[in-house]
Amino acid sequence: MKRITIFGIGIFIAFMVVVSCKSGNSTKNNEENISSEVITNTNTADGSGDTSSLPKFLFDEEVHDFGRIIQGEKVSFSYKFKNVGKSSLLISDAKGSCGCTVADFPQKPIAPGEGGTIDVKFNTDGKKGFQNKTITLIANTQPNTKVLTIKAQIQVPEEDK
């Protein structure tokens, strides 16, 4: 009789573990799916894939050429943009292609029709010749990335002889 009771309790515990694991996984999967949709914007709420209501960047320029500059200079440029989409634009990150390029971006949502700036600082210390650097923005647009470019021809100053 004891064996049947212990066996029954074991079956019950095994059943509870299986059920709790399945419900935990489905919650995790739902959270991952929701996060994925928010980040990539590949689907709308109705599943149609219609992206016409999403925010959209419109930049005055996407490539800025600093021209000739002297090695060691720290230069900056502000990329101006407007949200020409139908919902608020939220930039979640701006990554430079190297540590010499840093970007500041608006932390608050940009309403449709409103604008903002991406302020880029480029440190030419240790650089020479033609330089081409990028800033990748991550936002709730489709596609969810936008690449801005800076260029410069860096001249090494002549040393005193």
N, C-alpha and C. Protein backbone atom coordinates (compact mmCIF):
# COMPACT_ATOMS: atom_id res chain seq x y z
N MET A 1 0.81 -1.18 0.00
CA MET A 1 0.00 0.00 0.00
C MET A 1 0.86 1.26 0.00
N LYS A 2 1.98 1.20 0.79
CA LYS A 2 2.88 2.35 0.84
C LYS A 2 3.46 2.63 -0.55
N ARG A 3 3.81 1.59 -1.29
CA ARG A 3 4.40 1.76 -2.62
C ARG A 3 3.42 2.46 -3.56
N ILE A 4 2.18 2.12 -3.49
CA ILE A 4 1.16 2.74 -4.36
C ILE A 4 1.02 4.21 -4.01
N THR A 5 1.02 4.56 -2.74
CA THR A 5 0.90 5.95 -2.31
C THR A 5 2.11 6.76 -2.76
N ILE A 6 3.30 6.21 -2.54
CA ILE A 6 4.52 6.91 -2.96
C ILE A 6 4.56 7.05 -4.48
N PHE A 7 4.17 6.00 -5.19
CA PHE A 7 4.13 6.05 -6.65
C PHE A 7 3.13 7.12 -7.11
N GLY A 8 1.98 7.19 -6.48
CA GLY A 8 0.95 8.19 -6.83
C GLY A 8 1.44 9.61 -6.60
N ILE A 9 2.11 9.82 -5.48
CA ILE A 9 2.65 11.14 -5.18
C ILE A 9 3.73 11.50 -6.21
N GLY A 10 4.56 10.55 -6.58
CA GLY A 10 5.60 10.78 -7.59
C GLY A 10 4.99 11.18 -8.93
N ILE A 11 3.94 10.48 -9.33
CA ILE A 11 3.26 10.80 -10.60
C ILE A 11 2.67 12.21 -10.53
N PHE A 12 2.05 12.56 -9.42
CA PHE A 12 1.45 13.88 -9.24
C PHE A 12 2.52 14.98 -9.34
N ILE A 13 3.65 14.79 -8.68
CA ILE A 13 4.73 15.78 -8.72
C ILE A 13 5.28 15.91 -10.14
N ALA A 14 5.48 14.79 -10.82
CA ALA A 14 5.97 14.83 -12.20
C ALA A 14 4.99 15.58 -13.10
N PHE A 15 3.69 15.34 -12.91
CA PHE A 15 2.66 16.02 -13.69
C PHE A 15 2.71 17.53 -13.45
N MET A 16 2.85 17.93 -12.20
CA MET A 16 2.89 19.35 -11.86
C MET A 16 4.13 20.03 -12.46
N VAL A 17 5.25 19.34 -12.44
CA VAL A 17 6.48 19.90 -13.02
C VAL A 17 6.30 20.10 -14.52
N VAL A 18 5.74 19.12 -15.21
CA VAL A 18 5.53 19.21 -16.66
C VAL A 18 4.57 20.35 -16.98
N VAL A 19 3.48 20.44 -16.26
CA VAL A 19 2.48 21.48 -16.52
C VAL A 19 3.07 22.87 -16.25
N SER A 20 3.78 23.02 -15.15
CA SER A 20 4.34 24.34 -14.82
C SER A 20 5.42 24.74 -15.81
N CYS A 21 6.20 23.81 -16.31
CA CYS A 21 7.23 24.13 -17.30
C CYS A 21 6.60 24.58 -18.60
N LYS A 22 5.54 23.93 -19.02
CA LYS A 22 4.90 24.30 -20.26
C LYS A 22 4.29 25.69 -20.17
N SER A 23 3.62 26.01 -19.08
CA SER A 23 3.02 27.33 -18.97
C SER A 23 4.09 28.40 -18.85
N GLY A 24 5.21 28.12 -18.19
CA GLY A 24 6.31 29.07 -18.10
C GLY A 24 6.92 29.35 -19.45
N ASN A 25 7.09 28.33 -20.28
CA ASN A 25 7.66 28.52 -21.61
C ASN A 25 6.74 29.32 -22.50
N SER A 26 5.44 29.09 -22.42
CA SER A 26 4.54 29.83 -23.30
C SER A 26 4.54 31.30 -22.94
N THR A 27 4.64 31.64 -21.67
CA THR A 27 4.72 33.03 -21.27
C THR A 27 6.00 33.64 -21.80
N LYS A 28 7.10 32.93 -21.67
CA LYS A 28 8.39 33.43 -22.16
C LYS A 28 8.34 33.62 -23.67
N ASN A 29 7.77 32.65 -24.39
CA ASN A 29 7.67 32.76 -25.84
C ASN A 29 6.81 33.95 -26.24
N ASN A 30 5.70 34.18 -25.53
CA ASN A 30 4.86 35.32 -25.84
C ASN A 30 5.61 36.63 -25.62
N GLU A 31 6.38 36.72 -24.53
CA GLU A 31 7.16 37.92 -24.27
C GLU A 31 8.20 38.13 -25.36
N GLU A 32 8.88 37.06 -25.80
CA GLU A 32 9.86 37.19 -26.87
C GLU A 32 9.20 37.63 -28.17
N ASN A 33 8.02 37.07 -28.48
CA ASN A 33 7.32 37.45 -29.70
C ASN A 33 6.91 38.91 -29.66
N ILE A 34 6.40 39.37 -28.52
CA ILE A 34 5.98 40.76 -28.40
C ILE A 34 7.19 41.66 -28.55
N SER A 35 8.31 41.34 -27.87
CA SER A 35 9.52 42.15 -27.97
C SER A 35 10.01 42.19 -29.41
N SER A 36 9.97 41.07 -30.08
CA SER A 36 10.43 40.99 -31.46
C SER A 36 9.61 41.91 -32.36
N GLU A 37 8.29 41.93 -32.18
CA GLU A 37 7.45 42.78 -33.01
C GLU A 37 7.72 44.25 -32.74
N VAL A 38 7.92 44.62 -31.48
CA VAL A 38 8.19 46.01 -31.16
C VAL A 38 9.51 46.45 -31.76
N ILE A 39 10.53 45.60 -31.70
CA ILE A 39 11.85 45.97 -32.19
C ILE A 39 11.90 46.01 -33.71
N THR A 40 11.36 45.02 -34.38
CA THR A 40 11.53 44.94 -35.83
C THR A 40 10.39 45.55 -36.62
N ASN A 41 9.21 45.74 -36.00
CA ASN A 41 8.07 46.32 -36.70
C ASN A 41 7.71 45.58 -37.98
N THR A 42 7.85 44.28 -38.00
CA THR A 42 7.53 43.55 -39.22
C THR A 42 6.04 43.26 -39.34
N ASN A 43 5.32 43.37 -38.25
CA ASN A 43 3.88 43.13 -38.27
C ASN A 43 3.16 44.26 -37.57
N THR A 44 1.93 44.48 -37.98
CA THR A 44 1.08 45.42 -37.27
C THR A 44 0.19 44.62 -36.35
N ALA A 45 -0.60 45.31 -35.55
CA ALA A 45 -1.45 44.64 -34.57
C ALA A 45 -2.43 43.65 -35.23
N ASP A 46 -2.90 43.99 -36.44
CA ASP A 46 -3.85 43.09 -37.10
C ASP A 46 -3.16 42.01 -37.92
N GLY A 47 -1.82 41.97 -37.90
CA GLY A 47 -1.08 40.92 -38.59
C GLY A 47 -0.96 41.13 -40.09
N SER A 48 -1.38 42.29 -40.60
CA SER A 48 -1.38 42.51 -42.04
C SER A 48 0.00 42.80 -42.61
N GLY A 49 0.94 43.21 -41.75
CA GLY A 49 2.26 43.57 -42.24
C GLY A 49 2.28 44.96 -42.85
N ASP A 50 1.19 45.71 -42.75
CA ASP A 50 1.10 47.08 -43.28
C ASP A 50 1.92 48.00 -42.40
N THR A 51 2.93 48.64 -42.98
CA THR A 51 3.82 49.51 -42.21
C THR A 51 3.52 50.99 -42.44
N SER A 52 2.43 51.32 -43.10
CA SER A 52 2.14 52.72 -43.43
C SER A 52 1.87 53.58 -42.21
N SER A 53 1.50 52.99 -41.08
CA SER A 53 1.22 53.79 -39.89
C SER A 53 2.44 53.95 -38.99
N LEU A 54 3.57 53.38 -39.37
CA LEU A 54 4.79 53.47 -38.55
C LEU A 54 5.47 54.82 -38.72
N PRO A 55 6.32 55.19 -37.76
CA PRO A 55 7.12 56.41 -37.91
C PRO A 55 8.15 56.24 -39.02
N LYS A 56 8.64 57.38 -39.53
CA LYS A 56 9.60 57.32 -40.63
C LYS A 56 10.53 58.53 -40.55
N PHE A 57 11.85 58.26 -40.67
CA PHE A 57 12.85 59.33 -40.69
C PHE A 57 12.86 60.04 -42.05
N LEU A 58 13.06 61.35 -42.02
CA LEU A 58 13.40 62.11 -43.22
C LEU A 58 14.51 63.06 -42.80
N PHE A 59 15.75 62.78 -43.26
CA PHE A 59 16.92 63.57 -42.91
C PHE A 59 17.18 64.63 -43.96
N ASP A 60 17.68 65.81 -43.52
CA ASP A 60 18.12 66.84 -44.45
C ASP A 60 19.29 66.31 -45.26
N GLU A 61 20.20 65.58 -44.61
CA GLU A 61 21.29 64.89 -45.28
C GLU A 61 21.68 63.67 -44.45
N GLU A 62 22.14 62.62 -45.13
CA GLU A 62 22.52 61.39 -44.45
C GLU A 62 24.03 61.15 -44.49
N VAL A 63 24.74 61.94 -45.31
CA VAL A 63 26.19 61.84 -45.42
C VAL A 63 26.75 63.25 -45.24
N HIS A 64 27.69 63.39 -44.30
CA HIS A 64 28.33 64.70 -44.11
C HIS A 64 29.82 64.55 -44.31
N ASP A 65 30.38 65.45 -45.14
CA ASP A 65 31.81 65.45 -45.42
C ASP A 65 32.44 66.65 -44.71
N PHE A 66 33.31 66.38 -43.75
CA PHE A 66 34.00 67.45 -43.04
C PHE A 66 35.09 68.09 -43.90
N GLY A 67 35.45 67.45 -45.01
CA GLY A 67 36.50 67.97 -45.86
C GLY A 67 37.87 67.70 -45.24
N ARG A 68 38.82 68.62 -45.46
CA ARG A 68 40.18 68.46 -44.93
C ARG A 68 40.23 69.02 -43.51
N ILE A 69 40.71 68.18 -42.58
CA ILE A 69 40.89 68.61 -41.20
C ILE A 69 42.23 68.10 -40.69
N ILE A 70 42.74 68.75 -39.67
CA ILE A 70 44.05 68.42 -39.10
C ILE A 70 43.90 67.33 -38.04
N GLN A 71 44.78 66.36 -38.08
CA GLN A 71 44.79 65.27 -37.11
C GLN A 71 44.76 65.84 -35.69
N GLY A 72 43.94 65.27 -34.85
CA GLY A 72 43.80 65.71 -33.47
C GLY A 72 42.60 66.61 -33.23
N GLU A 73 42.02 67.15 -34.30
CA GLU A 73 40.84 68.00 -34.14
C GLU A 73 39.65 67.15 -33.71
N LYS A 74 38.76 67.78 -32.95
CA LYS A 74 37.49 67.15 -32.58
C LYS A 74 36.41 67.97 -33.27
N VAL A 75 35.71 67.32 -34.20
CA VAL A 75 34.69 68.02 -34.98
C VAL A 75 33.32 67.43 -34.66
N SER A 76 32.29 68.21 -34.96
CA SER A 76 30.94 67.72 -34.69
C SER A 76 30.00 68.19 -35.79
N PHE A 77 28.88 67.48 -35.89
CA PHE A 77 27.85 67.81 -36.87
C PHE A 77 26.51 67.35 -36.33
N SER A 78 25.47 68.12 -36.62
CA SER A 78 24.11 67.77 -36.21
C SER A 78 23.29 67.39 -37.43
N TYR A 79 22.89 66.13 -37.49
CA TYR A 79 22.00 65.66 -38.55
C TYR A 79 20.57 66.03 -38.14
N LYS A 80 19.90 66.81 -38.97
CA LYS A 80 18.53 67.22 -38.68
C LYS A 80 17.57 66.26 -39.38
N PHE A 81 16.52 65.87 -38.65
CA PHE A 81 15.54 64.97 -39.23
C PHE A 81 14.13 65.38 -38.82
N LYS A 82 13.17 64.80 -39.52
CA LYS A 82 11.76 65.00 -39.22
C LYS A 82 11.08 63.64 -39.25
N ASN A 83 10.11 63.43 -38.38
CA ASN A 83 9.30 62.22 -38.40
C ASN A 83 8.15 62.46 -39.38
N VAL A 84 8.23 61.84 -40.55
CA VAL A 84 7.19 61.99 -41.56
C VAL A 84 6.22 60.81 -41.55
N GLY A 85 6.30 59.99 -40.51
CA GLY A 85 5.39 58.85 -40.37
C GLY A 85 4.11 59.25 -39.67
N LYS A 86 3.31 58.25 -39.33
CA LYS A 86 2.00 58.49 -38.74
C LYS A 86 1.92 58.17 -37.26
N SER A 87 3.05 57.81 -36.65
CA SER A 87 3.07 57.54 -35.21
C SER A 87 4.40 58.04 -34.63
N SER A 88 4.49 58.10 -33.31
CA SER A 88 5.67 58.65 -32.65
C SER A 88 6.92 57.82 -32.94
N LEU A 89 8.00 58.52 -33.17
CA LEU A 89 9.30 57.92 -33.48
C LEU A 89 10.11 57.82 -32.19
N LEU A 90 10.62 56.63 -31.91
CA LEU A 90 11.43 56.43 -30.72
C LEU A 90 12.76 55.81 -31.13
N ILE A 91 13.85 56.53 -30.86
CA ILE A 91 15.19 56.04 -31.15
C ILE A 91 15.69 55.35 -29.89
N SER A 92 16.09 54.10 -30.00
CA SER A 92 16.54 53.36 -28.82
C SER A 92 18.06 53.33 -28.68
N ASP A 93 18.80 53.57 -29.79
CA ASP A 93 20.25 53.53 -29.70
C ASP A 93 20.88 54.19 -30.93
N ALA A 94 22.10 54.65 -30.76
CA ALA A 94 22.90 55.19 -31.86
C ALA A 94 24.33 54.72 -31.63
N LYS A 95 24.83 53.88 -32.53
CA LYS A 95 26.15 53.29 -32.37
C LYS A 95 27.10 53.76 -33.46
N GLY A 96 28.26 54.26 -33.03
CA GLY A 96 29.30 54.65 -33.97
C GLY A 96 30.07 53.42 -34.42
N SER A 97 30.66 53.50 -35.61
CA SER A 97 31.40 52.35 -36.14
C SER A 97 32.73 52.15 -35.42
N CYS A 98 33.17 53.15 -34.66
CA CYS A 98 34.36 52.98 -33.83
C CYS A 98 34.25 53.93 -32.64
N GLY A 99 35.17 53.81 -31.71
CA GLY A 99 35.12 54.63 -30.51
C GLY A 99 35.38 56.10 -30.75
N CYS A 100 35.88 56.46 -31.92
CA CYS A 100 36.17 57.86 -32.23
C CYS A 100 34.92 58.62 -32.66
N THR A 101 33.82 57.92 -32.87
CA THR A 101 32.58 58.52 -33.34
C THR A 101 31.49 58.26 -32.31
N VAL A 102 30.95 59.34 -31.76
CA VAL A 102 29.94 59.23 -30.71
C VAL A 102 28.72 60.05 -31.13
N ALA A 103 27.53 59.51 -30.88
CA ALA A 103 26.30 60.21 -31.26
C ALA A 103 25.38 60.38 -30.06
N ASP A 104 24.79 61.55 -29.97
CA ASP A 104 23.73 61.83 -28.99
C ASP A 104 22.42 61.92 -29.76
N PHE A 105 21.37 61.36 -29.19
CA PHE A 105 20.09 61.32 -29.88
C PHE A 105 18.97 61.65 -28.91
N PRO A 106 17.81 62.07 -29.41
CA PRO A 106 16.68 62.39 -28.53
C PRO A 106 16.22 61.15 -27.76
N GLN A 107 16.02 61.31 -26.48
CA GLN A 107 15.57 60.20 -25.63
C GLN A 107 14.05 60.09 -25.59
N LYS A 108 13.37 61.17 -25.93
CA LYS A 108 11.90 61.20 -25.87
C LYS A 108 11.33 60.91 -27.26
N PRO A 109 10.10 60.38 -27.31
CA PRO A 109 9.47 60.13 -28.61
C PRO A 109 9.29 61.42 -29.41
N ILE A 110 9.44 61.31 -30.73
CA ILE A 110 9.25 62.43 -31.64
C ILE A 110 7.89 62.23 -32.32
N ALA A 111 6.97 63.14 -32.08
CA ALA A 111 5.62 63.04 -32.62
C ALA A 111 5.63 63.19 -34.15
N PRO A 112 4.61 62.68 -34.83
CA PRO A 112 4.53 62.86 -36.29
C PRO A 112 4.56 64.35 -36.63
N GLY A 113 5.36 64.70 -37.63
CA GLY A 113 5.50 66.09 -38.04
C GLY A 113 6.55 66.87 -37.28
N GLU A 114 7.02 66.32 -36.17
CA GLU A 114 8.05 67.00 -35.36
C GLU A 114 9.44 66.56 -35.83
N GLY A 115 10.46 67.27 -35.36
CA GLY A 115 11.82 66.96 -35.77
C GLY A 115 12.76 66.86 -34.59
N GLY A 116 14.00 66.57 -34.90
CA GLY A 116 15.04 66.45 -33.89
C GLY A 116 16.40 66.44 -34.56
N THR A 117 17.43 66.22 -33.75
CA THR A 117 18.79 66.15 -34.28
C THR A 117 19.54 64.96 -33.69
N ILE A 118 20.45 64.45 -34.48
CA ILE A 118 21.42 63.46 -34.04
C ILE A 118 22.75 64.18 -34.04
N ASP A 119 23.31 64.43 -32.85
CA ASP A 119 24.56 65.17 -32.73
C ASP A 119 25.73 64.20 -32.70
N VAL A 120 26.62 64.33 -33.69
CA VAL A 120 27.73 63.41 -33.86
C VAL A 120 29.05 64.15 -33.58
N LYS A 121 29.90 63.52 -32.77
CA LYS A 121 31.23 64.04 -32.48
C LYS A 121 32.26 63.04 -33.00
N PHE A 122 33.26 63.56 -33.70
CA PHE A 122 34.30 62.74 -34.31
C PHE A 122 35.65 63.23 -33.81
N ASN A 123 36.40 62.35 -33.16
CA ASN A 123 37.73 62.66 -32.64
C ASN A 123 38.76 62.11 -33.62
N THR A 124 39.54 62.99 -34.24
CA THR A 124 40.49 62.57 -35.27
C THR A 124 41.86 62.20 -34.71
N ASP A 125 41.99 62.20 -33.41
CA ASP A 125 43.28 61.87 -32.80
C ASP A 125 43.74 60.48 -33.25
N GLY A 126 44.95 60.41 -33.81
CA GLY A 126 45.52 59.13 -34.25
C GLY A 126 45.03 58.68 -35.62
N LYS A 127 44.18 59.45 -36.27
CA LYS A 127 43.66 59.09 -37.60
C LYS A 127 44.44 59.86 -38.66
N LYS A 128 44.54 59.28 -39.86
CA LYS A 128 45.14 60.00 -40.98
C LYS A 128 44.55 59.49 -42.28
N GLY A 129 44.63 60.35 -43.29
CA GLY A 129 44.09 59.98 -44.60
C GLY A 129 42.57 60.04 -44.63
N PHE A 130 42.01 59.39 -45.64
CA PHE A 130 40.56 59.40 -45.81
C PHE A 130 39.89 58.55 -44.74
N GLN A 131 38.89 59.10 -44.09
CA GLN A 131 38.13 58.38 -43.06
C GLN A 131 36.66 58.38 -43.44
N ASN A 132 36.04 57.24 -43.26
CA ASN A 132 34.61 57.06 -43.54
C ASN A 132 34.03 56.33 -42.34
N LYS A 133 33.22 57.00 -41.55
CA LYS A 133 32.64 56.41 -40.33
C LYS A 133 31.13 56.43 -40.43
N THR A 134 30.50 55.48 -39.74
CA THR A 134 29.04 55.40 -39.76
C THR A 134 28.46 55.46 -38.35
N ILE A 135 27.21 55.88 -38.29
CA ILE A 135 26.42 55.88 -37.07
C ILE A 135 25.15 55.12 -37.41
N THR A 136 24.89 54.04 -36.69
CA THR A 136 23.70 53.24 -36.94
C THR A 136 22.67 53.55 -35.87
N LEU A 137 21.51 54.05 -36.32
CA LEU A 137 20.41 54.34 -35.42
C LEU A 137 19.49 53.13 -35.36
N ILE A 138 19.00 52.83 -34.18
CA ILE A 138 18.01 51.77 -34.00
C ILE A 138 16.74 52.45 -33.50
N ALA A 139 15.66 52.25 -34.24
CA ALA A 139 14.41 52.95 -33.94
C ALA A 139 13.21 52.06 -34.26
N ASN A 140 12.03 52.55 -33.92
CA ASN A 140 10.80 51.79 -34.17
C ASN A 140 10.25 52.09 -35.56
N THR A 141 11.14 52.07 -36.54
CA THR A 141 10.79 52.30 -37.94
C THR A 141 10.90 50.98 -38.70
N GLN A 142 10.54 50.99 -39.97
CA GLN A 142 10.69 49.81 -40.81
C GLN A 142 11.49 50.20 -42.04
N PRO A 143 12.72 49.73 -42.22
CA PRO A 143 13.45 48.83 -41.33
C PRO A 143 13.83 49.55 -40.04
N ASN A 144 14.24 48.77 -39.05
CA ASN A 144 14.48 49.35 -37.73
C ASN A 144 15.87 49.97 -37.56
N THR A 145 16.66 50.04 -38.62
CA THR A 145 17.96 50.70 -38.56
C THR A 145 18.07 51.76 -39.65
N LYS A 146 18.84 52.79 -39.34
CA LYS A 146 19.14 53.86 -40.30
C LYS A 146 20.62 54.18 -40.14
N VAL A 147 21.36 54.27 -41.24
CA VAL A 147 22.79 54.51 -41.18
C VAL A 147 23.11 55.91 -41.70
N LEU A 148 23.84 56.66 -40.86
CA LEU A 148 24.34 57.98 -41.23
C LEU A 148 25.85 57.86 -41.42
N THR A 149 26.42 58.71 -42.26
CA THR A 149 27.84 58.61 -42.58
C THR A 149 28.55 59.95 -42.44
N ILE A 150 29.76 59.91 -41.89
CA ILE A 150 30.63 61.08 -41.90
C ILE A 150 31.90 60.71 -42.65
N LYS A 151 32.46 61.71 -43.33
CA LYS A 151 33.70 61.52 -44.10
C LYS A 151 34.65 62.67 -43.75
N ALA A 152 35.92 62.41 -43.88
CA ALA A 152 36.92 63.45 -43.67
C ALA A 152 38.24 63.03 -44.29
N GLN A 153 39.01 64.01 -44.72
CA GLN A 153 40.37 63.80 -45.18
C GLN A 153 41.25 64.40 -44.09
N ILE A 154 41.95 63.54 -43.36
CA ILE A 154 42.72 64.00 -42.20
C ILE A 154 44.18 64.13 -42.56
N GLN A 155 44.69 65.33 -42.32
CA GLN A 155 46.09 65.63 -42.62
C GLN A 155 46.89 65.60 -41.33
N VAL A 156 48.06 64.97 -41.40
CA VAL A 156 48.96 64.91 -40.25
C VAL A 156 49.77 66.21 -40.26
N PRO A 157 49.78 66.93 -39.13
CA PRO A 157 50.55 68.19 -39.10
C PRO A 157 52.05 67.89 -39.20
N GLU A 158 52.76 68.79 -39.87
CA GLU A 158 54.20 68.61 -40.00
C GLU A 158 54.87 68.92 -38.66
N GLU A 159 55.81 68.09 -38.29
CA GLU A 159 56.54 68.30 -37.05
C GLU A 159 57.61 69.36 -37.25
N ASP A 160 57.92 70.09 -36.16
CA ASP A 160 58.99 71.07 -36.23
C ASP A 160 60.33 70.37 -36.47
N LYS A 161 61.13 70.89 -37.36
CA LYS A 161 62.40 70.25 -37.69
C LYS A 161 63.55 70.95 -37.05
